[in-house]
Amino acid sequence: MSSQKGNVSRSRGQRHQNTVAFKNDKYGATVQMKKAKSMTHDGLCQHCKDVLEWKVKYSKYKSLTQPRKCVKCSQKTVKDAYHIVCKPCSLQLEICCKCGKKEDIVIP
């Protein structure tokens, strides 16, 4: 068993391996999927941008139906899913819209 204490080597390969890559539009793209694919993720650090691109690629991205409240200005101005800071606050404070950390913004 791979979770045994001290068992660090395996004698065989992975049991189930994918033969074809996952396609999120295999049975036709929905309106939400097309919108998520065409979206540009701006105002994010590299890590958060990669996370959101992964969510779009594997059909895990759920868009917002109503605006959310910004944690900095407490106004309902957050329009993008998984974001906690609105765009004006993010630009003013130079922080990531998703994690709120002061890191290098990929696309300002």
PDB file of N, CA and C in Angstrom:
ATOM      1  N   MET A   1       0.853  -1.195   0.000  1.00  0.00           N
ATOM      2  CA  MET A   1       0.000   0.000   0.000  1.00  0.00           C
ATOM      3  C   MET A   1       0.885   1.240   0.000  1.00  0.00           C
ATOM      4  N   SER A   2       0.514   2.251  -0.757  1.00  0.00           N
ATOM      5  CA  SER A   2       1.373   3.421  -0.908  1.00  0.00           C
ATOM      6  C   SER A   2       1.358   4.326   0.318  1.00  0.00           C
ATOM      7  N   SER A   3       0.367   4.158   1.193  1.00  0.00           N
ATOM      8  CA  SER A   3       0.289   5.033   2.364  1.00  0.00           C
ATOM      9  C   SER A   3       0.952   4.415   3.601  1.00  0.00           C
ATOM     10  N   GLN A   4       1.591   3.267   3.448  1.00  0.00           N
ATOM     11  CA  GLN A   4       2.269   2.657   4.579  1.00  0.00           C
ATOM     12  C   GLN A   4       3.459   3.492   4.997  1.00  0.00           C
ATOM     13  N   LYS A   5       3.736   3.484   6.301  1.00  0.00           N
ATOM     14  CA  LYS A   5       4.869   4.234   6.818  1.00  0.00           C
ATOM     15  C   LYS A   5       6.161   3.553   6.381  1.00  0.00           C
ATOM     16  N   GLY A   6       7.051   4.291   5.773  1.00  0.00           N
ATOM     17  CA  GLY A   6       8.334   3.767   5.332  1.00  0.00           C
ATOM     18  C   GLY A   6       8.316   3.160   3.944  1.00  0.00           C
ATOM     19  N   ASN A   7       7.141   2.970   3.354  1.00  0.00           N
ATOM     20  CA  ASN A   7       7.053   2.397   2.010  1.00  0.00           C
ATOM     21  C   ASN A   7       7.200   3.523   0.986  1.00  0.00           C
ATOM     22  N   VAL A   8       8.404   3.741   0.506  1.00  0.00           N
ATOM     23  CA  VAL A   8       8.656   4.889  -0.358  1.00  0.00           C
ATOM     24  C   VAL A   8       8.836   4.503  -1.819  1.00  0.00           C
ATOM     25  N   SER A   9       9.011   3.207  -2.112  1.00  0.00           N
ATOM     26  CA  SER A   9       9.213   2.821  -3.510  1.00  0.00           C
ATOM     27  C   SER A   9       8.078   1.918  -3.972  1.00  0.00           C
ATOM     28  N   ARG A  10       7.716   2.080  -5.232  1.00  0.00           N
ATOM     29  CA  ARG A  10       6.673   1.252  -5.833  1.00  0.00           C
ATOM     30  C   ARG A  10       7.312   0.371  -6.898  1.00  0.00           C
ATOM     31  N   SER A  11       6.785  -0.824  -7.032  1.00  0.00           N
ATOM     32  CA  SER A  11       7.358  -1.743  -8.009  1.00  0.00           C
ATOM     33  C   SER A  11       6.613  -1.703  -9.342  1.00  0.00           C
ATOM     34  N   ARG A  12       5.441  -1.063  -9.389  1.00  0.00           N
ATOM     35  CA  ARG A  12       4.680  -1.035 -10.627  1.00  0.00           C
ATOM     36  C   ARG A  12       4.264   0.402 -10.936  1.00  0.00           C
ATOM     37  N   GLY A  13       3.762   0.608 -12.137  1.00  0.00           N
ATOM     38  CA  GLY A  13       3.302   1.927 -12.550  1.00  0.00           C
ATOM     39  C   GLY A  13       1.895   2.199 -12.056  1.00  0.00           C
ATOM     40  N   GLN A  14       1.362   3.324 -12.463  1.00  0.00           N
ATOM     41  CA  GLN A  14       0.013   3.728 -12.096  1.00  0.00           C
ATOM     42  C   GLN A  14      -0.994   2.783 -12.749  1.00  0.00           C
ATOM     43  N   ARG A  15      -2.013   2.360 -11.993  1.00  0.00           N
ATOM     44  CA  ARG A  15      -2.953   1.362 -12.493  1.00  0.00           C
ATOM     45  C   ARG A  15      -3.826   1.889 -13.631  1.00  0.00           C
ATOM     46  N   HIS A  16      -4.471   3.029 -13.435  1.00  0.00           N
ATOM     47  CA  HIS A  16      -5.354   3.589 -14.457  1.00  0.00           C
ATOM     48  C   HIS A  16      -4.714   4.836 -15.052  1.00  0.00           C
ATOM     49  N   GLN A  17      -4.455   4.800 -16.337  1.00  0.00           N
ATOM     50  CA  GLN A  17      -3.856   5.940 -17.019  1.00  0.00           C
ATOM     51  C   GLN A  17      -4.789   6.402 -18.134  1.00  0.00           C
ATOM     52  N   ASN A  18      -4.918   7.706 -18.268  1.00  0.00           N
ATOM     53  CA  ASN A  18      -5.793   8.255 -19.297  1.00  0.00           C
ATOM     54  C   ASN A  18      -5.166   8.060 -20.675  1.00  0.00           C
ATOM     55  N   THR A  19      -5.982   7.601 -21.608  1.00  0.00           N
ATOM     56  CA  THR A  19      -5.481   7.412 -22.972  1.00  0.00           C
ATOM     57  C   THR A  19      -5.721   8.648 -23.825  1.00  0.00           C
ATOM     58  N   VAL A  20      -6.784   9.413 -23.532  1.00  0.00           N
ATOM     59  CA  VAL A  20      -7.066  10.650 -24.267  1.00  0.00           C
ATOM     60  C   VAL A  20      -7.216  11.788 -23.268  1.00  0.00           C
ATOM     61  N   ALA A  21      -6.906  12.991 -23.719  1.00  0.00           N
ATOM     62  CA  ALA A  21      -7.017  14.164 -22.856  1.00  0.00           C
ATOM     63  C   ALA A  21      -8.480  14.560 -22.678  1.00  0.00           C
ATOM     64  N   PHE A  22      -8.776  15.230 -21.559  1.00  0.00           N
ATOM     65  CA  PHE A  22     -10.138  15.674 -21.257  1.00  0.00           C
ATOM     66  C   PHE A  22     -10.519  16.825 -22.179  1.00  0.00           C
ATOM     67  N   LYS A  23     -11.744  16.793 -22.718  1.00  0.00           N
ATOM     68  CA  LYS A  23     -12.266  17.876 -23.549  1.00  0.00           C
ATOM     69  C   LYS A  23     -13.505  18.433 -22.866  1.00  0.00           C
ATOM     70  N   ASN A  24     -13.475  19.722 -22.548  1.00  0.00           N
ATOM     71  CA  ASN A  24     -14.616  20.309 -21.857  1.00  0.00           C
ATOM     72  C   ASN A  24     -15.777  20.619 -22.794  1.00  0.00           C
ATOM     73  N   ASP A  25     -15.552  20.599 -24.096  1.00  0.00           N
ATOM     74  CA  ASP A  25     -16.646  20.840 -25.040  1.00  0.00           C
ATOM     75  C   ASP A  25     -16.878  19.620 -25.938  1.00  0.00           C
ATOM     76  N   LYS A  26     -16.757  18.436 -25.371  1.00  0.00           N
ATOM     77  CA  LYS A  26     -16.899  17.195 -26.124  1.00  0.00           C
ATOM     78  C   LYS A  26     -18.307  17.039 -26.700  1.00  0.00           C
ATOM     79  N   TYR A  27     -19.315  17.391 -25.927  1.00  0.00           N
ATOM     80  CA  TYR A  27     -20.699  17.254 -26.359  1.00  0.00           C
ATOM     81  C   TYR A  27     -21.314  18.601 -26.725  1.00  0.00           C
ATOM     82  N   GLY A  28     -20.517  19.519 -27.208  1.00  0.00           N
ATOM     83  CA  GLY A  28     -21.006  20.840 -27.588  1.00  0.00           C
ATOM     84  C   GLY A  28     -20.826  21.824 -26.445  1.00  0.00           C
ATOM     85  N   ALA A  29     -20.319  22.985 -26.751  1.00  0.00           N
ATOM     86  CA  ALA A  29     -20.048  23.993 -25.728  1.00  0.00           C
ATOM     87  C   ALA A  29     -21.333  24.734 -25.361  1.00  0.00           C
ATOM     88  N   THR A  30     -21.553  24.920 -24.067  1.00  0.00           N
ATOM     89  CA  THR A  30     -22.704  25.675 -23.596  1.00  0.00           C
ATOM     90  C   THR A  30     -22.379  27.163 -23.638  1.00  0.00           C
ATOM     91  N   VAL A  31     -23.366  27.988 -23.366  1.00  0.00           N
ATOM     92  CA  VAL A  31     -23.168  29.441 -23.369  1.00  0.00           C
ATOM     93  C   VAL A  31     -22.193  29.829 -22.260  1.00  0.00           C
ATOM     94  N   GLN A  32     -22.356  29.217 -21.071  1.00  0.00           N
ATOM     95  CA  GLN A  32     -21.467  29.529 -19.954  1.00  0.00           C
ATOM     96  C   GLN A  32     -20.028  29.118 -20.260  1.00  0.00           C
ATOM     97  N   MET A  33     -19.852  27.962 -20.915  1.00  0.00           N
ATOM     98  CA  MET A  33     -18.514  27.495 -21.240  1.00  0.00           C
ATOM     99  C   MET A  33     -17.849  28.427 -22.244  1.00  0.00           C
ATOM    100  N   LYS A  34     -18.596  28.883 -23.253  1.00  0.00           N
ATOM    101  CA  LYS A  34     -18.038  29.811 -24.234  1.00  0.00           C
ATOM    102  C   LYS A  34     -17.630  31.120 -23.572  1.00  0.00           C
ATOM    103  N   LYS A  35     -18.468  31.600 -22.641  1.00  0.00           N
ATOM    104  CA  LYS A  35     -18.164  32.851 -21.943  1.00  0.00           C
ATOM    105  C   LYS A  35     -16.921  32.693 -21.074  1.00  0.00           C
ATOM    106  N   ALA A  36     -16.800  31.557 -20.391  1.00  0.00           N
ATOM    107  CA  ALA A  36     -15.645  31.316 -19.525  1.00  0.00           C
ATOM    108  C   ALA A  36     -14.362  31.182 -20.334  1.00  0.00           C
ATOM    109  N   LYS A  37     -14.450  30.543 -21.499  1.00  0.00           N
ATOM    110  CA  LYS A  37     -13.271  30.389 -22.348  1.00  0.00           C
ATOM    111  C   LYS A  37     -12.782  31.715 -22.898  1.00  0.00           C
ATOM    112  N   SER A  38     -13.718  32.611 -23.256  1.00  0.00           N
ATOM    113  CA  SER A  38     -13.334  33.872 -23.873  1.00  0.00           C
ATOM    114  C   SER A  38     -12.890  34.922 -22.855  1.00  0.00           C
ATOM    115  N   MET A  39     -13.048  34.642 -21.578  1.00  0.00           N
ATOM    116  CA  MET A  39     -12.729  35.599 -20.515  1.00  0.00           C
ATOM    117  C   MET A  39     -11.219  35.786 -20.363  1.00  0.00           C
ATOM    118  N   THR A  40     -10.784  37.009 -20.129  1.00  0.00           N
ATOM    119  CA  THR A  40      -9.385  37.270 -19.815  1.00  0.00           C
ATOM    120  C   THR A  40      -9.273  37.471 -18.310  1.00  0.00           C
ATOM    121  N   HIS A  41      -8.361  36.753 -17.700  1.00  0.00           N
ATOM    122  CA  HIS A  41      -8.179  36.833 -16.258  1.00  0.00           C
ATOM    123  C   HIS A  41      -7.132  37.905 -15.955  1.00  0.00           C
ATOM    124  N   ASP A  42      -7.596  39.129 -15.709  1.00  0.00           N
ATOM    125  CA  ASP A  42      -6.680  40.227 -15.439  1.00  0.00           C
ATOM    126  C   ASP A  42      -6.782  40.635 -13.975  1.00  0.00           C
ATOM    127  N   GLY A  43      -5.725  41.261 -13.472  1.00  0.00           N
ATOM    128  CA  GLY A  43      -5.680  41.700 -12.083  1.00  0.00           C
ATOM    129  C   GLY A  43      -5.354  40.582 -11.120  1.00  0.00           C
ATOM    130  N   LEU A  44      -4.714  39.507 -11.610  1.00  0.00           N
ATOM    131  CA  LEU A  44      -4.407  38.342 -10.777  1.00  0.00           C
ATOM    132  C   LEU A  44      -2.910  38.075 -10.751  1.00  0.00           C
ATOM    133  N   CYS A  45      -2.461  37.426  -9.670  1.00  0.00           N
ATOM    134  CA  CYS A  45      -1.082  36.954  -9.617  1.00  0.00           C
ATOM    135  C   CYS A  45      -0.992  35.682 -10.473  1.00  0.00           C
ATOM    136  N   GLN A  46       0.216  35.206 -10.716  1.00  0.00           N
ATOM    137  CA  GLN A  46       0.417  34.065 -11.615  1.00  0.00           C
ATOM    138  C   GLN A  46      -0.267  32.807 -11.081  1.00  0.00           C
ATOM    139  N   HIS A  47      -0.173  32.554  -9.788  1.00  0.00           N
ATOM    140  CA  HIS A  47      -0.774  31.354  -9.194  1.00  0.00           C
ATOM    141  C   HIS A  47      -2.290  31.353  -9.358  1.00  0.00           C
ATOM    142  N   CYS A  48      -2.923  32.463  -9.025  1.00  0.00           N
ATOM    143  CA  CYS A  48      -4.390  32.554  -9.131  1.00  0.00           C
ATOM    144  C   CYS A  48      -4.839  32.468 -10.582  1.00  0.00           C
ATOM    145  N   LYS A  49      -4.057  33.028 -11.496  1.00  0.00           N
ATOM    146  CA  LYS A  49      -4.376  32.948 -12.923  1.00  0.00           C
ATOM    147  C   LYS A  49      -4.331  31.500 -13.385  1.00  0.00           C
ATOM    148  N   ASP A  50      -3.316  30.748 -12.941  1.00  0.00           N
ATOM    149  CA  ASP A  50      -3.209  29.332 -13.300  1.00  0.00           C
ATOM    150  C   ASP A  50      -4.365  28.523 -12.735  1.00  0.00           C
ATOM    151  N   VAL A  51      -4.798  28.848 -11.506  1.00  0.00           N
ATOM    152  CA  VAL A  51      -5.915  28.133 -10.878  1.00  0.00           C
ATOM    153  C   VAL A  51      -7.193  28.343 -11.682  1.00  0.00           C
ATOM    154  N   LEU A  52      -7.477  29.591 -12.056  1.00  0.00           N
ATOM    155  CA  LEU A  52      -8.697  29.870 -12.812  1.00  0.00           C
ATOM    156  C   LEU A  52      -8.647  29.264 -14.219  1.00  0.00           C
ATOM    157  N   GLU A  53      -7.479  29.253 -14.844  1.00  0.00           N
ATOM    158  CA  GLU A  53      -7.357  28.622 -16.157  1.00  0.00           C
ATOM    159  C   GLU A  53      -7.586  27.115 -16.054  1.00  0.00           C
ATOM    160  N   TRP A  54      -7.125  26.493 -14.957  1.00  0.00           N
ATOM    161  CA  TRP A  54      -7.375  25.068 -14.739  1.00  0.00           C
ATOM    162  C   TRP A  54      -8.871  24.809 -14.577  1.00  0.00           C
ATOM    163  N   LYS A  55      -9.549  25.674 -13.810  1.00  0.00           N
ATOM    164  CA  LYS A  55     -10.992  25.512 -13.604  1.00  0.00           C
ATOM    165  C   LYS A  55     -11.762  25.609 -14.923  1.00  0.00           C
ATOM    166  N   VAL A  56     -11.353  26.517 -15.801  1.00  0.00           N
ATOM    167  CA  VAL A  56     -12.011  26.656 -17.104  1.00  0.00           C
ATOM    168  C   VAL A  56     -11.711  25.431 -17.964  1.00  0.00           C
ATOM    169  N   LYS A  57     -10.469  24.963 -17.938  1.00  0.00           N
ATOM    170  CA  LYS A  57     -10.054  23.846 -18.790  1.00  0.00           C
ATOM    171  C   LYS A  57     -10.791  22.554 -18.446  1.00  0.00           C
ATOM    172  N   TYR A  58     -11.043  22.316 -17.153  1.00  0.00           N
ATOM    173  CA  TYR A  58     -11.670  21.069 -16.727  1.00  0.00           C
ATOM    174  C   TYR A  58     -13.122  21.241 -16.288  1.00  0.00           C
ATOM    175  N   SER A  59     -13.798  22.252 -16.798  1.00  0.00           N
ATOM    176  CA  SER A  59     -15.238  22.495 -16.575  1.00  0.00           C
ATOM    177  C   SER A  59     -15.608  22.607 -15.106  1.00  0.00           C
ATOM    178  N   LYS A  60     -14.763  23.206 -14.295  1.00  0.00           N
ATOM    179  CA  LYS A  60     -15.048  23.412 -12.878  1.00  0.00           C
ATOM    180  C   LYS A  60     -15.410  24.860 -12.577  1.00  0.00           C
ATOM    181  N   TYR A  61     -15.285  25.740 -13.560  1.00  0.00           N
ATOM    182  CA  TYR A  61     -15.530  27.171 -13.363  1.00  0.00           C
ATOM    183  C   TYR A  61     -17.023  27.443 -13.279  1.00  0.00           C
ATOM    184  N   LYS A  62     -17.463  28.071 -12.208  1.00  0.00           N
ATOM    185  CA  LYS A  62     -18.861  28.453 -12.028  1.00  0.00           C
ATOM    186  C   LYS A  62     -18.916  29.977 -11.977  1.00  0.00           C
ATOM    187  N   SER A  63     -19.625  30.589 -12.906  1.00  0.00           N
ATOM    188  CA  SER A  63     -19.698  32.045 -12.960  1.00  0.00           C
ATOM    189  C   SER A  63     -20.672  32.579 -11.914  1.00  0.00           C
ATOM    190  N   LEU A  64     -20.506  33.843 -11.585  1.00  0.00           N
ATOM    191  CA  LEU A  64     -21.384  34.485 -10.604  1.00  0.00           C
ATOM    192  C   LEU A  64     -22.716  34.858 -11.244  1.00  0.00           C
ATOM    193  N   THR A  65     -23.791  34.768 -10.460  1.00  0.00           N
ATOM    194  CA  THR A  65     -25.095  35.203 -10.952  1.00  0.00           C
ATOM    195  C   THR A  65     -25.406  36.619 -10.489  1.00  0.00           C
ATOM    196  N   GLN A  66     -24.890  36.996  -9.307  1.00  0.00           N
ATOM    197  CA  GLN A  66     -25.073  38.344  -8.769  1.00  0.00           C
ATOM    198  C   GLN A  66     -23.727  38.869  -8.298  1.00  0.00           C
ATOM    199  N   PRO A  67     -23.547  40.188  -8.282  1.00  0.00           N
ATOM    200  CA  PRO A  67     -22.272  40.746  -7.805  1.00  0.00           C
ATOM    201  C   PRO A  67     -22.047  40.443  -6.331  1.00  0.00           C
ATOM    202  N   ARG A  68     -20.780  40.227  -5.978  1.00  0.00           N
ATOM    203  CA  ARG A  68     -20.402  39.970  -4.593  1.00  0.00           C
ATOM    204  C   ARG A  68     -19.861  41.230  -3.947  1.00  0.00           C
ATOM    205  N   LYS A  69     -19.723  41.182  -2.633  1.00  0.00           N
ATOM    206  CA  LYS A  69     -19.227  42.328  -1.874  1.00  0.00           C
ATOM    207  C   LYS A  69     -17.699  42.316  -1.827  1.00  0.00           C
ATOM    208  N   CYS A  70     -17.102  43.446  -2.111  1.00  0.00           N
ATOM    209  CA  CYS A  70     -15.650  43.611  -2.048  1.00  0.00           C
ATOM    210  C   CYS A  70     -15.217  43.655  -0.583  1.00  0.00           C
ATOM    211  N   VAL A  71     -14.090  43.013  -0.253  1.00  0.00           N
ATOM    212  CA  VAL A  71     -13.630  43.000   1.129  1.00  0.00           C
ATOM    213  C   VAL A  71     -12.928  44.294   1.525  1.00  0.00           C
ATOM    214  N   LYS A  72     -12.548  45.119   0.543  1.00  0.00           N
ATOM    215  CA  LYS A  72     -11.858  46.378   0.844  1.00  0.00           C
ATOM    216  C   LYS A  72     -12.823  47.557   0.964  1.00  0.00           C
ATOM    217  N   CYS A  73     -13.742  47.691   0.006  1.00  0.00           N
ATOM    218  CA  CYS A  73     -14.634  48.856   0.024  1.00  0.00           C
ATOM    219  C   CYS A  73     -16.054  48.515   0.471  1.00  0.00           C
ATOM    220  N   SER A  74     -16.367  47.245   0.679  1.00  0.00           N
ATOM    221  CA  SER A  74     -17.674  46.765   1.150  1.00  0.00           C
ATOM    222  C   SER A  74     -18.836  47.151   0.231  1.00  0.00           C
ATOM    223  N   GLN A  75     -18.553  47.337  -1.048  1.00  0.00           N
ATOM    224  CA  GLN A  75     -19.587  47.599  -2.040  1.00  0.00           C
ATOM    225  C   GLN A  75     -19.796  46.334  -2.878  1.00  0.00           C
ATOM    226  N   LYS A  76     -20.987  46.169  -3.421  1.00  0.00           N
ATOM    227  CA  LYS A  76     -21.263  45.009  -4.271  1.00  0.00           C
ATOM    228  C   LYS A  76     -20.772  45.291  -5.684  1.00  0.00           C
ATOM    229  N   THR A  77     -19.459  45.233  -5.878  1.00  0.00           N
ATOM    230  CA  THR A  77     -18.859  45.577  -7.159  1.00  0.00           C
ATOM    231  C   THR A  77     -18.027  44.450  -7.756  1.00  0.00           C
ATOM    232  N   VAL A  78     -17.922  43.310  -7.094  1.00  0.00           N
ATOM    233  CA  VAL A  78     -17.126  42.188  -7.606  1.00  0.00           C
ATOM    234  C   VAL A  78     -17.976  41.413  -8.605  1.00  0.00           C
ATOM    235  N   LYS A  79     -17.610  41.481  -9.874  1.00  0.00           N
ATOM    236  CA  LYS A  79     -18.397  40.869 -10.942  1.00  0.00           C
ATOM    237  C   LYS A  79     -17.876  39.490 -11.361  1.00  0.00           C
ATOM    238  N   ASP A  80     -16.603  39.190 -11.079  1.00  0.00           N
ATOM    239  CA  ASP A  80     -15.994  37.937 -11.518  1.00  0.00           C
ATOM    240  C   ASP A  80     -16.048  36.880 -10.418  1.00  0.00           C
ATOM    241  N   ALA A  81     -16.215  35.635 -10.821  1.00  0.00           N
ATOM    242  CA  ALA A  81     -16.278  34.527  -9.868  1.00  0.00           C
ATOM    243  C   ALA A  81     -14.905  34.297  -9.233  1.00  0.00           C
ATOM    244  N   TYR A  82     -14.911  33.837  -7.991  1.00  0.00           N
ATOM    245  CA  TYR A  82     -13.719  33.497  -7.199  1.00  0.00           C
ATOM    246  C   TYR A  82     -12.880  34.722  -6.814  1.00  0.00           C
ATOM    247  N   HIS A  83     -13.332  35.937  -7.117  1.00  0.00           N
ATOM    248  CA  HIS A  83     -12.600  37.143  -6.736  1.00  0.00           C
ATOM    249  C   HIS A  83     -13.166  37.676  -5.431  1.00  0.00           C
ATOM    250  N   ILE A  84     -12.303  38.315  -4.621  1.00  0.00           N
ATOM    251  CA  ILE A  84     -12.758  38.894  -3.356  1.00  0.00           C
ATOM    252  C   ILE A  84     -12.594  40.410  -3.335  1.00  0.00           C
ATOM    253  N   VAL A  85     -11.828  40.952  -4.288  1.00  0.00           N
ATOM    254  CA  VAL A  85     -11.565  42.390  -4.350  1.00  0.00           C
ATOM    255  C   VAL A  85     -12.023  42.895  -5.719  1.00  0.00           C
ATOM    256  N   CYS A  86     -12.662  44.062  -5.739  1.00  0.00           N
ATOM    257  CA  CYS A  86     -13.112  44.632  -7.012  1.00  0.00           C
ATOM    258  C   CYS A  86     -11.918  45.214  -7.777  1.00  0.00           C
ATOM    259  N   LYS A  87     -12.124  45.459  -9.061  1.00  0.00           N
ATOM    260  CA  LYS A  87     -11.037  45.943  -9.934  1.00  0.00           C
ATOM    261  C   LYS A  87     -10.477  47.303  -9.505  1.00  0.00           C
ATOM    262  N   PRO A  88     -11.347  48.295  -9.167  1.00  0.00           N
ATOM    263  CA  PRO A  88     -10.783  49.596  -8.748  1.00  0.00           C
ATOM    264  C   PRO A  88      -9.916  49.496  -7.491  1.00  0.00           C
ATOM    265  N   CYS A  89     -10.360  48.709  -6.504  1.00  0.00           N
ATOM    266  CA  CYS A  89      -9.562  48.542  -5.281  1.00  0.00           C
ATOM    267  C   CYS A  89      -8.266  47.799  -5.575  1.00  0.00           C
ATOM    268  N   SER A  90      -8.334  46.828  -6.467  1.00  0.00           N
ATOM    269  CA  SER A  90      -7.147  46.065  -6.831  1.00  0.00           C
ATOM    270  C   SER A  90      -6.109  46.948  -7.512  1.00  0.00           C
ATOM    271  N   LEU A  91      -6.561  47.819  -8.419  1.00  0.00           N
ATOM    272  CA  LEU A  91      -5.639  48.715  -9.111  1.00  0.00           C
ATOM    273  C   LEU A  91      -5.054  49.757  -8.160  1.00  0.00           C
ATOM    274  N   GLN A  92      -5.884  50.247  -7.260  1.00  0.00           N
ATOM    275  CA  GLN A  92      -5.440  51.280  -6.324  1.00  0.00           C
ATOM    276  C   GLN A  92      -4.429  50.730  -5.319  1.00  0.00           C
ATOM    277  N   LEU A  93      -4.710  49.545  -4.768  1.00  0.00           N
ATOM    278  CA  LEU A  93      -3.841  48.958  -3.742  1.00  0.00           C
ATOM    279  C   LEU A  93      -2.768  48.044  -4.314  1.00  0.00           C
ATOM    280  N   GLU A  94      -2.830  47.756  -5.635  1.00  0.00           N
ATOM    281  CA  GLU A  94      -1.894  46.878  -6.324  1.00  0.00           C
ATOM    282  C   GLU A  94      -1.833  45.498  -5.681  1.00  0.00           C
ATOM    283  N   ILE A  95      -3.015  44.872  -5.524  1.00  0.00           N
ATOM    284  CA  ILE A  95      -3.101  43.531  -4.956  1.00  0.00           C
ATOM    285  C   ILE A  95      -3.845  42.618  -5.931  1.00  0.00           C
ATOM    286  N   CYS A  96      -3.727  41.327  -5.696  1.00  0.00           N
ATOM    287  CA  CYS A  96      -4.409  40.332  -6.520  1.00  0.00           C
ATOM    288  C   CYS A  96      -5.899  40.341  -6.193  1.00  0.00           C
ATOM    289  N   CYS A  97      -6.740  40.243  -7.217  1.00  0.00           N
ATOM    290  CA  CYS A  97      -8.193  40.264  -7.016  1.00  0.00           C
ATOM    291  C   CYS A  97      -8.712  39.003  -6.341  1.00  0.00           C
ATOM    292  N   LYS A  98      -8.011  37.895  -6.485  1.00  0.00           N
ATOM    293  CA  LYS A  98      -8.501  36.622  -5.964  1.00  0.00           C
ATOM    294  C   LYS A  98      -7.983  36.326  -4.560  1.00  0.00           C
ATOM    295  N   CYS A  99      -6.681  36.416  -4.354  1.00  0.00           N
ATOM    296  CA  CYS A  99      -6.122  36.066  -3.041  1.00  0.00           C
ATOM    297  C   CYS A  99      -5.925  37.285  -2.145  1.00  0.00           C
ATOM    298  N   GLY A 100      -5.851  38.487  -2.706  1.00  0.00           N
ATOM    299  CA  GLY A 100      -5.697  39.693  -1.911  1.00  0.00           C
ATOM    300  C   GLY A 100      -4.278  39.963  -1.466  1.00  0.00           C
ATOM    301  N   LYS A 101      -3.307  39.209  -1.986  1.00  0.00           N
ATOM    302  CA  LYS A 101      -1.910  39.398  -1.602  1.00  0.00           C
ATOM    303  C   LYS A 101      -1.234  40.401  -2.523  1.00  0.00           C
ATOM    304  N   LYS A 102      -0.220  41.060  -2.008  1.00  0.00           N
ATOM    305  CA  LYS A 102       0.512  42.066  -2.779  1.00  0.00           C
ATOM    306  C   LYS A 102       1.640  41.369  -3.530  1.00  0.00           C
ATOM    307  N   GLU A 103       1.292  40.789  -4.679  1.00  0.00           N
ATOM    308  CA  GLU A 103       2.275  40.068  -5.497  1.00  0.00           C
ATOM    309  C   GLU A 103       2.296  40.673  -6.893  1.00  0.00           C
ATOM    310  N   ASP A 104       3.189  40.166  -7.734  1.00  0.00           N
ATOM    311  CA  ASP A 104       3.280  40.665  -9.105  1.00  0.00           C
ATOM    312  C   ASP A 104       2.012  40.320  -9.870  1.00  0.00           C
ATOM    313  N   ILE A 105       1.349  41.351 -10.390  1.00  0.00           N
ATOM    314  CA  ILE A 105       0.132  41.159 -11.162  1.00  0.00           C
ATOM    315  C   ILE A 105       0.524  40.853 -12.607  1.00  0.00           C
ATOM    316  N   VAL A 106      -0.015  39.750 -13.156  1.00  0.00           N
ATOM    317  CA  VAL A 106       0.377  39.306 -14.492  1.00  0.00           C
ATOM    318  C   VAL A 106      -0.162  40.244 -15.549  1.00  0.00           C
ATOM    319  N   ILE A 107      -1.498  40.440 -15.598  1.00  0.00           N
ATOM    320  CA  ILE A 107      -2.123  41.359 -16.547  1.00  0.00           C
ATOM    321  C   ILE A 107      -2.863  42.422 -15.744  1.00  0.00           C
ATOM    322  N   PRO A 108      -2.309  43.624 -15.593  1.00  0.00           N
ATOM    323  CA  PRO A 108      -2.989  44.636 -14.766  1.00  0.00           C
ATOM    324  C   PRO A 108      -4.251  45.164 -15.426  1.00  0.00           C
TER     325      PRO A 108
END
